[in-house]
Amino acid sequence: MKRGTVVIVILLMLGGSLLAQDSYIGGSVGLEYEKSSVKLEGLSDYTPEATGIGVNLSVTGANYFGNSSLWGVGYSFGLTKAILVKSAGVSQDVSDLPLIIGFSVKGQRRFAVSNKFNFHLGAGASLNFTSKSESGVTATNSIYNVIIDGLAAYKISNAMSVGVGISAGIPVYSNYVLKGGGGSINFDVDVKGFYAMPYIGVLYNY
């Protein structure tokens, strides 16, 4: 009986969110700027500072709960391709760099400026993952970040919005793994730096 009550409450909350049409899902394109230096476990010095620019394509969304639909959970999944990388001021070849796969989840707050204009502010965590195989050895790198995100969305209809936003983050943990010949080696990586990404998107309101 208690389980049934909990299910009913959850469905009513979701139903209120759906009717309010404050939740959304959509696609975005962004230009990511990153500055960082790294130090592998066991080494004493950081690599020279590197900067990079990449093009990002993402599926992004948020689901808001409750009668007021002010608090919710935001999420995204995306791919980033580097188009420019400089290390110690010298341009690097980016043609064979792997795609960066990214996931994020965050707590989010909606600020209703008007009936058509909403501002969404969130904070949470993201994971960026790359993998590359060469000469029988596969190298994978996982970077965990703390992120903040702001999105200004304008409703062009009840069902659709256009948005402009910016996401930024700093790395807090990284792991580098080499696999080959039936074995693997793990390295903890100390990463210093940040990234920032302005983006635009088209959103479906529900």
Protein backbone atom coordinates (compact mmCIF):
# COMPACT_ATOMS: atom_id res chain seq x y z
CA MET A 1 0.00 0.00 0.00
CA LYS A 2 2.81 2.39 0.85
CA ARG A 3 4.54 1.55 -2.41
CA GLY A 4 1.38 2.44 -4.32
CA THR A 5 1.15 5.80 -2.53
CA VAL A 6 4.75 6.65 -3.38
CA VAL A 7 4.19 5.78 -7.05
CA ILE A 8 1.08 7.99 -7.20
CA VAL A 9 2.95 10.94 -5.66
CA ILE A 10 5.82 10.54 -8.13
CA LEU A 11 3.43 10.36 -11.09
CA LEU A 12 1.60 13.48 -9.92
CA MET A 13 4.90 15.35 -9.66
CA LEU A 14 5.89 14.26 -13.15
CA GLY A 15 2.47 15.11 -14.48
CA GLY A 16 2.70 18.63 -13.07
CA SER A 17 6.08 19.03 -14.73
CA LEU A 18 4.76 17.84 -18.08
CA LEU A 19 1.76 20.16 -18.04
CA ALA A 20 3.90 23.12 -17.09
CA GLN A 21 6.14 22.55 -20.13
CA ASP A 22 9.17 23.84 -18.24
CA SER A 23 11.24 20.71 -18.85
CA TYR A 24 13.10 20.42 -22.13
CA ILE A 25 15.31 18.30 -24.36
CA GLY A 26 17.13 19.37 -27.49
CA GLY A 27 20.33 19.70 -29.44
CA SER A 28 23.14 22.24 -29.17
CA VAL A 29 26.36 23.24 -30.89
CA GLY A 30 29.19 24.89 -28.98
CA LEU A 31 32.76 26.09 -29.26
CA GLU A 32 34.88 24.81 -26.38
CA TYR A 33 38.06 26.51 -25.14
CA GLU A 34 40.40 24.63 -22.82
CA LYS A 35 43.65 25.47 -21.06
CA SER A 36 45.49 22.79 -19.08
CA SER A 37 48.71 21.12 -18.03
CA VAL A 38 49.12 17.58 -16.69
CA LYS A 39 51.46 15.57 -14.49
CA LEU A 40 51.56 11.78 -14.62
CA GLU A 41 51.81 9.80 -11.40
CA GLY A 42 55.45 9.43 -10.41
CA LEU A 43 56.69 12.45 -12.33
CA SER A 44 57.72 15.68 -10.63
CA ASP A 45 56.90 18.27 -13.30
CA TYR A 46 53.82 19.33 -15.20
CA THR A 47 53.77 19.33 -18.99
CA PRO A 48 53.96 22.73 -20.73
CA GLU A 49 50.63 24.55 -20.69
CA ALA A 50 48.42 23.62 -23.64
CA THR A 51 45.38 25.36 -25.08
CA GLY A 52 42.75 23.90 -27.32
CA ILE A 53 39.59 24.77 -29.22
CA GLY A 54 36.98 22.19 -30.18
CA VAL A 55 33.55 21.97 -31.79
CA ASN A 56 30.93 20.31 -29.60
CA LEU A 57 27.62 18.69 -30.57
CA SER A 58 25.36 17.67 -27.68
CA VAL A 59 21.98 16.41 -26.65
CA THR A 60 20.98 18.45 -23.61
CA GLY A 61 17.93 18.52 -21.39
CA ALA A 62 16.40 19.09 -17.97
CA ASN A 63 13.44 17.75 -16.04
CA TYR A 64 11.77 19.96 -13.42
CA PHE A 65 9.60 18.73 -10.57
CA GLY A 66 6.84 19.98 -8.30
CA ASN A 67 4.02 22.46 -8.76
CA SER A 68 6.34 25.43 -9.24
CA SER A 69 8.76 23.53 -11.54
CA LEU A 70 11.67 25.57 -10.22
CA TRP A 71 14.08 22.78 -9.24
CA GLY A 72 15.18 19.91 -11.42
CA VAL A 73 17.94 17.78 -12.89
CA GLY A 74 19.88 18.75 -16.00
CA TYR A 75 21.87 16.39 -18.19
CA SER A 76 23.85 16.24 -21.43
CA PHE A 77 25.67 13.85 -23.74
CA GLY A 78 28.01 15.16 -26.39
CA LEU A 79 30.97 14.74 -28.71
CA THR A 80 33.82 17.22 -29.13
CA LYS A 81 36.33 17.35 -31.98
CA ALA A 82 39.52 19.37 -31.50
CA ILE A 83 40.19 21.85 -34.30
CA LEU A 84 43.16 23.67 -32.77
CA VAL A 85 45.69 22.66 -30.11
CA LYS A 86 48.80 24.58 -29.03
CA SER A 87 51.40 23.30 -26.59
CA ALA A 88 53.97 25.79 -25.31
CA GLY A 89 52.74 28.12 -28.05
CA VAL A 90 53.38 25.63 -30.86
CA SER A 91 50.46 24.37 -32.98
CA GLN A 92 49.96 20.59 -32.91
CA ASP A 93 48.58 18.18 -35.50
CA VAL A 94 44.94 17.47 -34.53
CA SER A 95 44.00 15.25 -37.48
CA ASP A 96 44.42 11.98 -35.58
CA LEU A 97 43.13 13.13 -32.18
CA PRO A 98 40.15 11.04 -31.02
CA LEU A 99 36.68 12.39 -30.37
CA ILE A 100 36.03 13.42 -26.79
CA ILE A 101 32.90 11.78 -25.37
CA GLY A 102 31.25 13.78 -22.60
CA PHE A 103 28.49 13.18 -20.06
CA SER A 104 27.18 15.58 -17.44
CA VAL A 105 24.52 15.73 -14.74
CA LYS A 106 23.66 18.67 -12.52
CA GLY A 107 21.15 20.08 -10.10
CA GLN A 108 19.33 22.90 -11.81
CA ARG A 109 17.23 25.95 -10.88
CA ARG A 110 14.83 27.69 -13.24
CA PHE A 111 14.22 31.44 -13.03
CA ALA A 112 11.06 32.57 -14.83
CA VAL A 113 11.77 36.05 -16.18
CA SER A 114 8.50 36.14 -18.14
CA ASN A 115 5.98 33.76 -19.70
CA LYS A 116 8.32 33.26 -22.64
CA PHE A 117 11.77 33.77 -21.17
CA ASN A 118 13.48 31.42 -18.67
CA PHE A 119 16.98 31.37 -17.25
CA HIS A 120 18.36 28.01 -16.14
CA LEU A 121 21.33 27.78 -13.77
CA GLY A 122 22.94 24.49 -12.79
CA ALA A 123 25.96 22.96 -11.04
CA GLY A 124 27.18 19.39 -11.03
CA ALA A 125 29.75 17.01 -12.49
CA SER A 126 30.89 15.79 -15.88
CA LEU A 127 33.03 13.01 -17.33
CA ASN A 128 35.14 13.42 -20.48
CA PHE A 129 36.45 10.22 -22.06
CA THR A 130 38.84 9.50 -24.94
CA SER A 131 40.24 6.27 -26.38
CA LYS A 132 42.87 5.66 -29.05
CA SER A 133 44.49 2.45 -30.32
CA GLU A 134 47.85 2.28 -32.04
CA SER A 135 50.34 -0.58 -32.62
CA GLY A 136 48.35 -2.96 -30.44
CA VAL A 137 48.16 -0.56 -27.49
CA THR A 138 44.95 1.20 -26.44
CA ALA A 139 45.21 4.40 -24.43
CA THR A 140 42.14 5.70 -22.58
CA ASN A 141 41.82 8.86 -20.54
CA SER A 142 38.98 9.78 -18.18
CA ILE A 143 38.67 13.27 -16.72
CA TYR A 144 36.13 14.16 -14.03
CA ASN A 145 35.11 17.82 -13.72
CA VAL A 146 33.08 20.09 -11.49
CA ILE A 147 30.87 22.22 -13.73
CA ILE A 148 28.50 25.17 -13.79
CA ASP A 149 26.08 25.96 -16.59
CA GLY A 150 23.81 28.85 -17.48
CA LEU A 151 21.16 28.83 -20.22
CA ALA A 152 18.84 31.61 -21.38
CA ALA A 153 15.86 30.11 -23.25
CA TYR A 154 13.16 31.96 -25.19
CA LYS A 155 9.91 30.17 -26.08
CA ILE A 156 8.99 30.65 -29.73
CA SER A 157 5.94 28.42 -29.16
CA ASN A 158 4.52 26.20 -26.40
CA ALA A 159 6.56 23.31 -27.78
CA MET A 160 9.81 24.97 -28.88
CA SER A 161 12.49 27.25 -27.45
CA VAL A 162 15.78 28.64 -28.66
CA GLY A 163 18.59 29.01 -26.16
CA VAL A 164 22.01 30.57 -25.64
CA GLY A 165 24.23 29.36 -22.84
CA ILE A 166 27.69 28.85 -21.45
CA SER A 167 29.20 25.90 -19.59
CA ALA A 168 32.46 25.94 -17.64
CA GLY A 169 34.37 23.49 -15.50
CA ILE A 170 37.59 22.57 -13.72
CA PRO A 171 39.11 19.06 -13.55
CA VAL A 172 39.22 17.34 -10.18
CA TYR A 173 40.46 13.84 -11.09
CA SER A 174 41.92 12.09 -14.12
CA ASN A 175 42.93 8.52 -14.90
CA TYR A 176 45.08 7.30 -17.82
CA VAL A 177 45.15 3.60 -18.80
CA LEU A 178 47.39 1.77 -21.27
CA LYS A 179 46.25 -1.70 -22.39
CA GLY A 180 48.17 -4.10 -24.61
CA GLY A 181 49.81 -7.50 -24.70
CA GLY A 182 47.31 -8.93 -22.23
CA GLY A 183 48.10 -6.41 -19.50
CA SER A 184 47.30 -2.87 -18.46
CA ILE A 185 48.95 0.01 -16.62
CA ASN A 186 46.98 2.65 -14.70
CA PHE A 187 48.21 6.17 -14.01
CA ASP A 188 46.60 8.79 -11.84
CA VAL A 189 46.97 12.14 -13.57
CA ASP A 190 47.06 15.52 -11.88
CA VAL A 191 45.37 18.06 -14.18
CA LYS A 192 45.44 21.83 -13.75
CA GLY A 193 43.27 24.04 -15.90
CA PHE A 194 39.72 24.90 -16.94
CA TYR A 195 37.38 24.89 -19.88
CA ALA A 196 34.58 27.19 -21.04
CA MET A 197 32.06 26.62 -23.81
CA PRO A 198 29.46 29.04 -25.17
CA TYR A 199 26.68 27.25 -27.07
CA ILE A 200 23.37 27.70 -28.85
CA GLY A 201 20.53 25.21 -29.02
CA VAL A 202 17.03 24.36 -30.15
CA LEU A 203 14.85 22.86 -27.41
CA TYR A 204 11.61 20.89 -27.25
CA ASN A 205 9.51 21.90 -24.22
CA TYR A 206 7.46 19.25 -22.41
